[in-house]
Amino acid sequence: MTNKKPNILFLMADQMAASALSFYGHKVVKTPNLDALAKDAVVFDSAYCNSPLCAPSRYVLMTGQLPAKIGAFDNAADLPADIPTFAHYLRQQNYQTALSGKMHFCGPEQLHGFEDRLTTDIYPADYGWFPNWDDPDTRPTWYHNMSSVTQAGPCVRTNQLDFDDEVTFQAKRYLYDYARGKQERPFCLTVSLTHPHDPYAIPEQYWNLYKEEDIDLPNITIPKAEQDPHSLRLQEVFAFDEKPITEQQIRNARRAYYGAISYVDEKIGEVLKSLKDCGLEDDTIIVFSGDHGDMLGERNLWFKMSFFEDSVRVPMMIHAPKRFAAKRVSESVSTMDILPTFVDFATDKAPHDYVMPIQGRSLLPHLEGKGGMTRS
């Protein structure tokens, strides 16, 4: 690494299954911008989240601590304001910290170390999405149902499209303002898109990137009588058995999901172009990852909340070709490792004085070709 503190551009996609990306081997999905980024990046082939659900996964990602340590159990969990995040640690190193997009913070604290939130969040910050464990037989009315699959297809607009267009616009404007202001402080800009999260609906221009006959079906189907108890519970929660699901509906859902990935790729391409146009590309470490994946019908499961591969595995790559040689890393890592990695980017001091103990381990040894750090 150079002596200059690098900028950090952290790109996130919501519910992005690593197995659905071409740089992980998918034969159908089109992601030219991510493919180009991966070509010169350190790509982690075995990256996982620590809790395959939006809010808990993001809390872990930001704090470097396991869900049980910080009480991140569901989408109504509060992230206590006194738990430091990577944004706090980077501000301590004189970084500007900004968030454009989703982070799913619940509770009154909506910054958690970010100096600026460039957009609102797409989800409410109240505690409405709580599971009533005293009444497990009553299905929550607010949760997913199979309409995301049965109604999948092309659309004109959705609130998620409006949101992600705004996220992209604000991120680009942040970069332009930073460049024209000749800032002396480095930045950490988190750009968090809500696609390809269901509902599986996407405009025709992305839908038409794919032919119906090219859409692959799930590799594994598990009859109800052979499902494990947790999978049966998930099927009950998202009302899997309310009506039959046809093969055509499964193809439609996966086709729309692939289209949403191409939409994400386009938005990321816009942000990367702005970074380059502003002359910031060489001084910026680009990190791409997600919060969790999507089962997409595998094992007759949809969405997330299971520890099967497509739900819990996430994409992860770090692009800084002048600092780290491009390579593939086969050792298993997790998104909990992002906080100590960012801290390593920001300071040469080691070991670091963390305000609270963390369970994450820096990815820097992998990036520098020195192998991973042993977990305690």
Foldseek 3Di string as FASTA:
>chain_A
DDPDQFFAEEEAEAQAFPVLDVVLPDDFFDQVLVVVQQVFWAWENFAWFQFLAQQLSLLLLFQLAHCVVQVSDHLLDARDLPRAGLLQLLVVLVAQEEEQEARSHADDDDQRNHPYYLDDYPDDNYRPPDDDPVCLQDADPPDAACCLLVVFAEDDDDVLVVRLVSLLVSLLVVLVVCLVVVDPHHYYYYRYGHPPDDSLYHHPVLLVSGDLVPQDAAPAEADPVRDDPVQVSQCVNRVVPPDDRDPSSLSRSRSSRSSRVNVSSVSVVSSVVSCVVSVSVQRYKYKYKYSFHFCSCHRHGTRERDPPNRGTGMIIIIHNSVQFGNDYHHDYFYSSQNSVQSSVSSDVDPPDDDPDDRQHFHCVCVRRVNDGDDGD
